[in-house]
Amino acid sequence: MFKKVLSSLVLVCVCSVLSVADVENSDEVDTECSVNKVYIYVMDTPTINTLNSGFYTAALKFSSDGTVIPEFSLGVLKRLNLGVKLKLGKFIGGGRMNVDWPALTAKYRIYDGSIIMPGIAVGCDLDGCFSNDDYYKKGKGLYVVAGREIFIDNLMLSVGVNINKLSKFKVYGFANATVPLYKEKVCFMTEYDNVNNWSSARLNFGLRIALTKHVDLDFIIRDCWGKGGKRIPNERLLKIGYSGKF
């Protein structure tokens, strides 16, 4: 009973904060919706993008097993972002709730790119990297990513490598893309990660909708057509994000 009340309070508080923040900023910015904000992640994999100094993103990700993951990232410098995420296992539903230690995230864009060369960023996402859980439960650990806009405006492609188990050196690969669909308000997302053992690689799809200038909603299907083990094939997730400036 307590967990249900706590879950409801968290959701109400988040919705209230987003609504108030949006109203407060309505006189300062154009109210036109746009999915072309600075997105530092495409679902589970990073891009080369970094937030400018003073800008931030906050998000809540809801997974099929009742887990809720609050995330926060801040532009400390023009090229440097720092953030934190917290995994609240079984926050929604029955059973005992599990709370992991807060995980550090960081990213530094070392090269902006050119007409020919892609931009490059390095970073870390230490969520679960010191545990023995399977890959799909972990962050990207230490990573290097390269990416650039291709063919048309706002069609972004990124590829990278990562090591997510710091006690054992094993390199994985990933790739992601965002494709604008409708008046810069809707974009399609896709990514392919865990590229080392092909039998356990994941293909993810998503749809991002800009609800307001600051708030966006992601519908995600993770590990499409996956099979075997502890994997959750065609897992459906929901993510609510907010972007703002101090």
C-alpha atoms as a PDB file:
ATOM      1  CA  MET A   1       0.000   0.000   0.000  1.00  0.00           C
ATOM      2  CA  PHE A   2       2.811   2.372   0.919  1.00  0.00           C
ATOM      3  CA  LYS A   3       4.598   1.694  -2.364  1.00  0.00           C
ATOM      4  CA  LYS A   4       1.468   2.406  -4.372  1.00  0.00           C
ATOM      5  CA  VAL A   5       0.962   5.703  -2.557  1.00  0.00           C
ATOM      6  CA  LEU A   6       4.636   6.600  -2.991  1.00  0.00           C
ATOM      7  CA  SER A   7       4.507   5.766  -6.708  1.00  0.00           C
ATOM      8  CA  SER A   8       1.428   7.952  -7.181  1.00  0.00           C
ATOM      9  CA  LEU A   9       3.030  10.848  -5.322  1.00  0.00           C
ATOM     10  CA  VAL A  10       6.192  10.627  -7.421  1.00  0.00           C
ATOM     11  CA  LEU A  11       4.222  10.690 -10.677  1.00  0.00           C
ATOM     12  CA  VAL A  12       2.044  13.583  -9.505  1.00  0.00           C
ATOM     13  CA  CYS A  13       5.078  15.571  -8.395  1.00  0.00           C
ATOM     14  CA  VAL A  14       6.902  14.986 -11.682  1.00  0.00           C
ATOM     15  CA  CYS A  15       3.881  16.040 -13.744  1.00  0.00           C
ATOM     16  CA  SER A  16       3.415  19.126 -11.582  1.00  0.00           C
ATOM     17  CA  VAL A  17       7.051  20.173 -11.911  1.00  0.00           C
ATOM     18  CA  LEU A  18       6.988  19.744 -15.674  1.00  0.00           C
ATOM     19  CA  SER A  19       3.769  21.729 -15.988  1.00  0.00           C
ATOM     20  CA  VAL A  20       4.993  24.575 -13.789  1.00  0.00           C
ATOM     21  CA  ALA A  21       8.360  24.749 -15.512  1.00  0.00           C
ATOM     22  CA  ASP A  22       6.706  24.862 -18.892  1.00  0.00           C
ATOM     23  CA  VAL A  23       4.424  27.710 -17.850  1.00  0.00           C
ATOM     24  CA  GLU A  24       7.315  29.674 -16.338  1.00  0.00           C
ATOM     25  CA  ASN A  25       9.314  29.468 -19.540  1.00  0.00           C
ATOM     26  CA  SER A  26       6.425  30.154 -21.920  1.00  0.00           C
ATOM     27  CA  ASP A  27       7.205  33.881 -22.080  1.00  0.00           C
ATOM     28  CA  GLU A  28      10.897  33.328 -22.743  1.00  0.00           C
ATOM     29  CA  VAL A  29      10.854  30.850 -25.618  1.00  0.00           C
ATOM     30  CA  ASP A  30       8.798  29.948 -28.604  1.00  0.00           C
ATOM     31  CA  THR A  31       6.098  27.416 -27.710  1.00  0.00           C
ATOM     32  CA  GLU A  32       6.544  25.484 -30.955  1.00  0.00           C
ATOM     33  CA  CYS A  33       7.213  21.790 -30.264  1.00  0.00           C
ATOM     34  CA  SER A  34      10.411  20.268 -31.613  1.00  0.00           C
ATOM     35  CA  VAL A  35      12.174  16.924 -31.306  1.00  0.00           C
ATOM     36  CA  ASN A  36      15.444  18.550 -32.409  1.00  0.00           C
ATOM     37  CA  LYS A  37      16.614  19.331 -28.894  1.00  0.00           C
ATOM     38  CA  VAL A  38      20.079  18.245 -27.835  1.00  0.00           C
ATOM     39  CA  TYR A  39      19.578  14.542 -27.212  1.00  0.00           C
ATOM     40  CA  ILE A  40      22.555  12.957 -25.506  1.00  0.00           C
ATOM     41  CA  TYR A  41      21.088   9.434 -25.778  1.00  0.00           C
ATOM     42  CA  VAL A  42      19.005   7.458 -28.273  1.00  0.00           C
ATOM     43  CA  MET A  43      17.152   5.019 -26.019  1.00  0.00           C
ATOM     44  CA  ASP A  44      20.050   3.005 -24.490  1.00  0.00           C
ATOM     45  CA  THR A  45      23.038   4.202 -26.540  1.00  0.00           C
ATOM     46  CA  PRO A  46      24.853   7.566 -26.502  1.00  0.00           C
ATOM     47  CA  THR A  47      25.276  10.162 -29.241  1.00  0.00           C
ATOM     48  CA  ILE A  48      28.072  12.710 -29.625  1.00  0.00           C
ATOM     49  CA  ASN A  49      25.773  15.494 -28.394  1.00  0.00           C
ATOM     50  CA  THR A  50      26.507  17.392 -25.196  1.00  0.00           C
ATOM     51  CA  LEU A  51      24.456  20.015 -23.380  1.00  0.00           C
ATOM     52  CA  ASN A  52      25.724  23.576 -23.291  1.00  0.00           C
ATOM     53  CA  SER A  53      26.766  25.057 -19.970  1.00  0.00           C
ATOM     54  CA  GLY A  54      23.775  25.639 -17.693  1.00  0.00           C
ATOM     55  CA  PHE A  55      21.374  23.423 -19.641  1.00  0.00           C
ATOM     56  CA  TYR A  56      19.979  20.204 -18.193  1.00  0.00           C
ATOM     57  CA  THR A  57      17.765  17.224 -18.944  1.00  0.00           C
ATOM     58  CA  ALA A  58      15.679  15.206 -16.492  1.00  0.00           C
ATOM     59  CA  ALA A  59      13.805  12.024 -17.339  1.00  0.00           C
ATOM     60  CA  LEU A  60      11.866   9.085 -15.961  1.00  0.00           C
ATOM     61  CA  LYS A  61      12.046   5.712 -17.737  1.00  0.00           C
ATOM     62  CA  PHE A  62       9.412   3.057 -16.972  1.00  0.00           C
ATOM     63  CA  SER A  63      10.098  -0.593 -17.887  1.00  0.00           C
ATOM     64  CA  SER A  64       7.826  -3.636 -18.112  1.00  0.00           C
ATOM     65  CA  ASP A  65       8.959  -5.174 -14.800  1.00  0.00           C
ATOM     66  CA  GLY A  66       7.899  -2.101 -12.811  1.00  0.00           C
ATOM     67  CA  THR A  67      11.384  -0.581 -12.679  1.00  0.00           C
ATOM     68  CA  VAL A  68      11.588   3.223 -12.758  1.00  0.00           C
ATOM     69  CA  ILE A  69      14.871   4.958 -13.609  1.00  0.00           C
ATOM     70  CA  PRO A  70      15.159   8.707 -12.827  1.00  0.00           C
ATOM     71  CA  GLU A  71      17.963  10.346 -14.824  1.00  0.00           C
ATOM     72  CA  PHE A  72      19.539  13.800 -14.681  1.00  0.00           C
ATOM     73  CA  SER A  73      22.292  15.385 -16.808  1.00  0.00           C
ATOM     74  CA  LEU A  74      23.818  18.863 -16.576  1.00  0.00           C
ATOM     75  CA  GLY A  75      25.978  20.852 -18.956  1.00  0.00           C
ATOM     76  CA  VAL A  76      28.868  21.791 -16.659  1.00  0.00           C
ATOM     77  CA  LEU A  77      30.944  23.230 -19.507  1.00  0.00           C
ATOM     78  CA  LYS A  78      30.212  23.663 -23.192  1.00  0.00           C
ATOM     79  CA  ARG A  79      31.662  20.230 -24.017  1.00  0.00           C
ATOM     80  CA  LEU A  80      31.380  18.502 -20.644  1.00  0.00           C
ATOM     81  CA  ASN A  81      28.264  16.909 -19.137  1.00  0.00           C
ATOM     82  CA  LEU A  82      27.872  15.252 -15.757  1.00  0.00           C
ATOM     83  CA  GLY A  83      24.854  13.305 -14.585  1.00  0.00           C
ATOM     84  CA  VAL A  84      23.394  10.678 -12.328  1.00  0.00           C
ATOM     85  CA  LYS A  85      20.781   7.933 -12.611  1.00  0.00           C
ATOM     86  CA  LEU A  86      19.043   5.778 -10.038  1.00  0.00           C
ATOM     87  CA  LYS A  87      17.427   2.394 -10.652  1.00  0.00           C
ATOM     88  CA  LEU A  88      14.293   1.705  -8.588  1.00  0.00           C
ATOM     89  CA  GLY A  89      13.550  -1.963  -9.218  1.00  0.00           C
ATOM     90  CA  LYS A  90       9.881  -3.041  -8.944  1.00  0.00           C
ATOM     91  CA  PHE A  91       8.897   0.487  -7.970  1.00  0.00           C
ATOM     92  CA  ILE A  92       5.536  -0.140  -9.652  1.00  0.00           C
ATOM     93  CA  GLY A  93       3.607  -3.350  -8.987  1.00  0.00           C
ATOM     94  CA  GLY A  94       3.981  -6.048  -6.342  1.00  0.00           C
ATOM     95  CA  GLY A  95       6.986  -7.517  -4.585  1.00  0.00           C
ATOM     96  CA  ARG A  96       9.862  -5.961  -2.733  1.00  0.00           C
ATOM     97  CA  MET A  97      11.332  -2.788  -4.197  1.00  0.00           C
ATOM     98  CA  ASN A  98      15.086  -2.856  -4.940  1.00  0.00           C
ATOM     99  CA  VAL A  99      17.090   0.363  -4.992  1.00  0.00           C
ATOM    100  CA  ASP A 100      20.537   0.353  -6.623  1.00  0.00           C
ATOM    101  CA  TRP A 101      23.331   2.758  -5.800  1.00  0.00           C
ATOM    102  CA  PRO A 102      23.200   6.005  -7.825  1.00  0.00           C
ATOM    103  CA  ALA A 103      25.296   5.686 -10.987  1.00  0.00           C
ATOM    104  CA  LEU A 104      27.545   8.398 -12.411  1.00  0.00           C
ATOM    105  CA  THR A 105      27.328   9.461 -16.065  1.00  0.00           C
ATOM    106  CA  ALA A 106      29.718  11.791 -17.872  1.00  0.00           C
ATOM    107  CA  LYS A 107      30.482  12.800 -21.437  1.00  0.00           C
ATOM    108  CA  TYR A 108      33.096  14.997 -23.111  1.00  0.00           C
ATOM    109  CA  ARG A 109      32.910  15.957 -26.801  1.00  0.00           C
ATOM    110  CA  ILE A 110      36.493  16.031 -28.018  1.00  0.00           C
ATOM    111  CA  TYR A 111      35.794  16.929 -31.666  1.00  0.00           C
ATOM    112  CA  ASP A 112      32.829  18.702 -33.263  1.00  0.00           C
ATOM    113  CA  GLY A 113      33.285  17.158 -36.685  1.00  0.00           C
ATOM    114  CA  SER A 114      33.567  18.685 -40.156  1.00  0.00           C
ATOM    115  CA  ILE A 115      31.984  18.335 -43.567  1.00  0.00           C
ATOM    116  CA  ILE A 116      33.890  15.084 -44.035  1.00  0.00           C
ATOM    117  CA  MET A 117      34.766  13.851 -40.548  1.00  0.00           C
ATOM    118  CA  PRO A 118      32.247  12.877 -37.833  1.00  0.00           C
ATOM    119  CA  GLY A 119      32.227  14.360 -34.361  1.00  0.00           C
ATOM    120  CA  ILE A 120      33.703  12.319 -31.516  1.00  0.00           C
ATOM    121  CA  ALA A 121      32.815  12.055 -27.835  1.00  0.00           C
ATOM    122  CA  VAL A 122      34.036   9.938 -24.925  1.00  0.00           C
ATOM    123  CA  GLY A 123      32.097   9.150 -21.790  1.00  0.00           C
ATOM    124  CA  CYS A 124      31.004   6.788 -19.076  1.00  0.00           C
ATOM    125  CA  ASP A 125      27.714   5.362 -17.831  1.00  0.00           C
ATOM    126  CA  LEU A 126      28.495   3.277 -14.767  1.00  0.00           C
ATOM    127  CA  ASP A 127      24.985   1.935 -14.137  1.00  0.00           C
ATOM    128  CA  GLY A 128      25.452  -1.689 -13.048  1.00  0.00           C
ATOM    129  CA  CYS A 129      29.038  -1.898 -14.294  1.00  0.00           C
ATOM    130  CA  PHE A 130      30.336  -3.258 -10.999  1.00  0.00           C
ATOM    131  CA  SER A 131      27.696  -6.001 -10.736  1.00  0.00           C
ATOM    132  CA  ASN A 132      27.470  -9.469 -12.300  1.00  0.00           C
ATOM    133  CA  ASP A 133      24.121  -8.860 -14.019  1.00  0.00           C
ATOM    134  CA  ASP A 134      23.655  -9.548 -17.713  1.00  0.00           C
ATOM    135  CA  TYR A 135      24.623  -6.932 -20.298  1.00  0.00           C
ATOM    136  CA  TYR A 136      21.133  -5.664 -20.990  1.00  0.00           C
ATOM    137  CA  LYS A 137      20.795  -4.448 -17.394  1.00  0.00           C
ATOM    138  CA  LYS A 138      23.978  -2.381 -17.489  1.00  0.00           C
ATOM    139  CA  GLY A 139      24.898   1.065 -18.725  1.00  0.00           C
ATOM    140  CA  LYS A 140      27.512   1.457 -21.443  1.00  0.00           C
ATOM    141  CA  GLY A 141      30.433   1.682 -19.016  1.00  0.00           C
ATOM    142  CA  LEU A 142      33.338   3.423 -20.748  1.00  0.00           C
ATOM    143  CA  TYR A 143      32.630   4.348 -24.371  1.00  0.00           C
ATOM    144  CA  VAL A 144      33.779   6.215 -27.460  1.00  0.00           C
ATOM    145  CA  VAL A 145      31.189   7.347 -30.006  1.00  0.00           C
ATOM    146  CA  ALA A 146      31.422   9.026 -33.416  1.00  0.00           C
ATOM    147  CA  GLY A 147      28.502  10.540 -35.306  1.00  0.00           C
ATOM    148  CA  ARG A 148      27.244  13.108 -37.755  1.00  0.00           C
ATOM    149  CA  GLU A 149      24.244  14.312 -39.715  1.00  0.00           C
ATOM    150  CA  ILE A 150      23.812  12.461 -43.024  1.00  0.00           C
ATOM    151  CA  PHE A 151      21.762  12.859 -46.219  1.00  0.00           C
ATOM    152  CA  ILE A 152      19.041  15.167 -44.822  1.00  0.00           C
ATOM    153  CA  ASP A 153      18.666  17.695 -42.005  1.00  0.00           C
ATOM    154  CA  ASN A 154      18.473  16.169 -38.524  1.00  0.00           C
ATOM    155  CA  LEU A 155      19.030  12.595 -39.693  1.00  0.00           C
ATOM    156  CA  MET A 156      21.750  11.615 -37.218  1.00  0.00           C
ATOM    157  CA  LEU A 157      23.847   8.445 -37.297  1.00  0.00           C
ATOM    158  CA  SER A 158      26.212   7.391 -34.503  1.00  0.00           C
ATOM    159  CA  VAL A 159      28.493   4.366 -34.014  1.00  0.00           C
ATOM    160  CA  GLY A 160      30.667   3.480 -31.061  1.00  0.00           C
ATOM    161  CA  VAL A 161      32.408   0.931 -28.856  1.00  0.00           C
ATOM    162  CA  ASN A 162      32.159   0.367 -25.118  1.00  0.00           C
ATOM    163  CA  ILE A 163      33.391  -1.712 -22.183  1.00  0.00           C
ATOM    164  CA  ASN A 164      30.673  -2.179 -19.606  1.00  0.00           C
ATOM    165  CA  LYS A 165      32.210  -4.730 -17.240  1.00  0.00           C
ATOM    166  CA  LEU A 166      35.190  -3.016 -15.703  1.00  0.00           C
ATOM    167  CA  SER A 167      36.497  -6.186 -14.040  1.00  0.00           C
ATOM    168  CA  LYS A 168      36.714  -7.971 -17.399  1.00  0.00           C
ATOM    169  CA  PHE A 169      37.982  -6.403 -20.618  1.00  0.00           C
ATOM    170  CA  LYS A 170      35.428  -7.145 -23.320  1.00  0.00           C
ATOM    171  CA  VAL A 171      34.644  -4.689 -26.102  1.00  0.00           C
ATOM    172  CA  TYR A 172      31.119  -4.258 -27.468  1.00  0.00           C
ATOM    173  CA  GLY A 173      29.853  -2.177 -30.366  1.00  0.00           C
ATOM    174  CA  PHE A 174      26.686  -0.164 -30.933  1.00  0.00           C
ATOM    175  CA  ALA A 175      25.008   2.025 -33.548  1.00  0.00           C
ATOM    176  CA  ASN A 176      22.005   4.339 -33.444  1.00  0.00           C
ATOM    177  CA  ALA A 177      20.046   6.683 -35.677  1.00  0.00           C
ATOM    178  CA  THR A 178      17.285   9.286 -35.354  1.00  0.00           C
ATOM    179  CA  VAL A 179      15.065  10.022 -38.360  1.00  0.00           C
ATOM    180  CA  PRO A 180      12.738  13.079 -38.402  1.00  0.00           C
ATOM    181  CA  LEU A 181       9.195  12.198 -39.486  1.00  0.00           C
ATOM    182  CA  TYR A 182       6.706  15.028 -39.032  1.00  0.00           C
ATOM    183  CA  LYS A 183       7.376  18.780 -38.824  1.00  0.00           C
ATOM    184  CA  GLU A 184      10.197  18.325 -36.328  1.00  0.00           C
ATOM    185  CA  LYS A 185       7.655  17.105 -33.787  1.00  0.00           C
ATOM    186  CA  VAL A 186       8.012  13.352 -34.271  1.00  0.00           C
ATOM    187  CA  CYS A 187      11.109  11.287 -34.943  1.00  0.00           C
ATOM    188  CA  PHE A 188      11.830   7.594 -35.378  1.00  0.00           C
ATOM    189  CA  MET A 189      14.691   6.029 -33.396  1.00  0.00           C
ATOM    190  CA  THR A 190      16.584   2.809 -33.893  1.00  0.00           C
ATOM    191  CA  GLU A 191      19.689   1.281 -32.355  1.00  0.00           C
ATOM    192  CA  TYR A 192      21.679  -1.936 -32.390  1.00  0.00           C
ATOM    193  CA  ASP A 193      23.833  -2.710 -29.366  1.00  0.00           C
ATOM    194  CA  ASN A 194      25.732  -5.482 -27.583  1.00  0.00           C
ATOM    195  CA  VAL A 195      27.541  -6.170 -30.858  1.00  0.00           C
ATOM    196  CA  ASN A 196      30.123  -8.724 -29.793  1.00  0.00           C
ATOM    197  CA  ASN A 197      28.185 -11.919 -29.428  1.00  0.00           C
ATOM    198  CA  TRP A 198      25.698 -11.805 -32.308  1.00  0.00           C
ATOM    199  CA  SER A 199      23.304 -14.195 -30.588  1.00  0.00           C
ATOM    200  CA  SER A 200      22.754 -11.708 -27.752  1.00  0.00           C
ATOM    201  CA  ALA A 201      22.842  -8.449 -29.734  1.00  0.00           C
ATOM    202  CA  ARG A 202      19.773  -6.241 -29.315  1.00  0.00           C
ATOM    203  CA  LEU A 203      17.738  -4.358 -31.894  1.00  0.00           C
ATOM    204  CA  ASN A 204      15.644  -1.533 -30.435  1.00  0.00           C
ATOM    205  CA  PHE A 205      13.059   0.776 -31.996  1.00  0.00           C
ATOM    206  CA  GLY A 206      11.372   3.879 -30.670  1.00  0.00           C
ATOM    207  CA  LEU A 207       9.201   6.878 -31.423  1.00  0.00           C
ATOM    208  CA  ARG A 208       9.879  10.289 -29.882  1.00  0.00           C
ATOM    209  CA  ILE A 209       7.098  12.878 -29.698  1.00  0.00           C
ATOM    210  CA  ALA A 210       7.615  16.495 -28.654  1.00  0.00           C
ATOM    211  CA  LEU A 211       4.647  17.368 -26.447  1.00  0.00           C
ATOM    212  CA  THR A 212       5.873  20.927 -25.751  1.00  0.00           C
ATOM    213  CA  LYS A 213       9.032  22.931 -26.251  1.00  0.00           C
ATOM    214  CA  HIS A 214      10.487  21.299 -23.145  1.00  0.00           C
ATOM    215  CA  VAL A 215       8.699  17.970 -22.676  1.00  0.00           C
ATOM    216  CA  ASP A 216       9.018  14.902 -24.880  1.00  0.00           C
ATOM    217  CA  LEU A 217       7.676  11.367 -24.722  1.00  0.00           C
ATOM    218  CA  ASP A 218       9.471   8.230 -25.939  1.00  0.00           C
ATOM    219  CA  PHE A 219       7.744   4.949 -26.801  1.00  0.00           C
ATOM    220  CA  ILE A 220      10.393   2.211 -26.934  1.00  0.00           C
ATOM    221  CA  ILE A 221      10.452  -1.453 -27.933  1.00  0.00           C
ATOM    222  CA  ARG A 222      13.677  -3.065 -26.737  1.00  0.00           C
ATOM    223  CA  ASP A 223      15.308  -6.305 -27.899  1.00  0.00           C
ATOM    224  CA  CYS A 224      13.016  -6.968 -30.849  1.00  0.00           C
ATOM    225  CA  TRP A 225      12.859 -10.670 -31.735  1.00  0.00           C
ATOM    226  CA  GLY A 226      15.308 -11.539 -28.939  1.00  0.00           C
ATOM    227  CA  LYS A 227      15.383 -15.093 -27.608  1.00  0.00           C
ATOM    228  CA  GLY A 228      16.639 -17.088 -24.654  1.00  0.00           C
ATOM    229  CA  GLY A 229      18.174 -16.569 -21.218  1.00  0.00           C
ATOM    230  CA  LYS A 230      17.087 -13.678 -19.018  1.00  0.00           C
ATOM    231  CA  ARG A 231      16.245 -11.482 -21.995  1.00  0.00           C
ATOM    232  CA  ILE A 232      12.829  -9.858 -22.356  1.00  0.00           C
ATOM    233  CA  PRO A 233      11.959  -9.947 -26.084  1.00  0.00           C
ATOM    234  CA  ASN A 234       9.944  -7.004 -27.400  1.00  0.00           C
ATOM    235  CA  GLU A 235      10.002  -5.258 -24.033  1.00  0.00           C
ATOM    236  CA  ARG A 236       7.926  -2.070 -24.049  1.00  0.00           C
ATOM    237  CA  LEU A 237       9.212   1.005 -22.228  1.00  0.00           C
ATOM    238  CA  LEU A 238       8.008   4.562 -21.722  1.00  0.00           C
ATOM    239  CA  LYS A 239      10.237   7.572 -21.097  1.00  0.00           C
ATOM    240  CA  ILE A 240       9.221  11.106 -20.150  1.00  0.00           C
ATOM    241  CA  GLY A 241      11.893  13.764 -20.565  1.00  0.00           C
ATOM    242  CA  TYR A 242      12.246  17.452 -19.756  1.00  0.00           C
ATOM    243  CA  SER A 243      14.878  19.868 -21.093  1.00  0.00           C
ATOM    244  CA  GLY A 244      15.583  23.257 -19.537  1.00  0.00           C
ATOM    245  CA  LYS A 245      18.133  25.854 -18.451  1.00  0.00           C
ATOM    246  CA  PHE A 246      19.119  27.167 -15.062  1.00  0.00           C
END
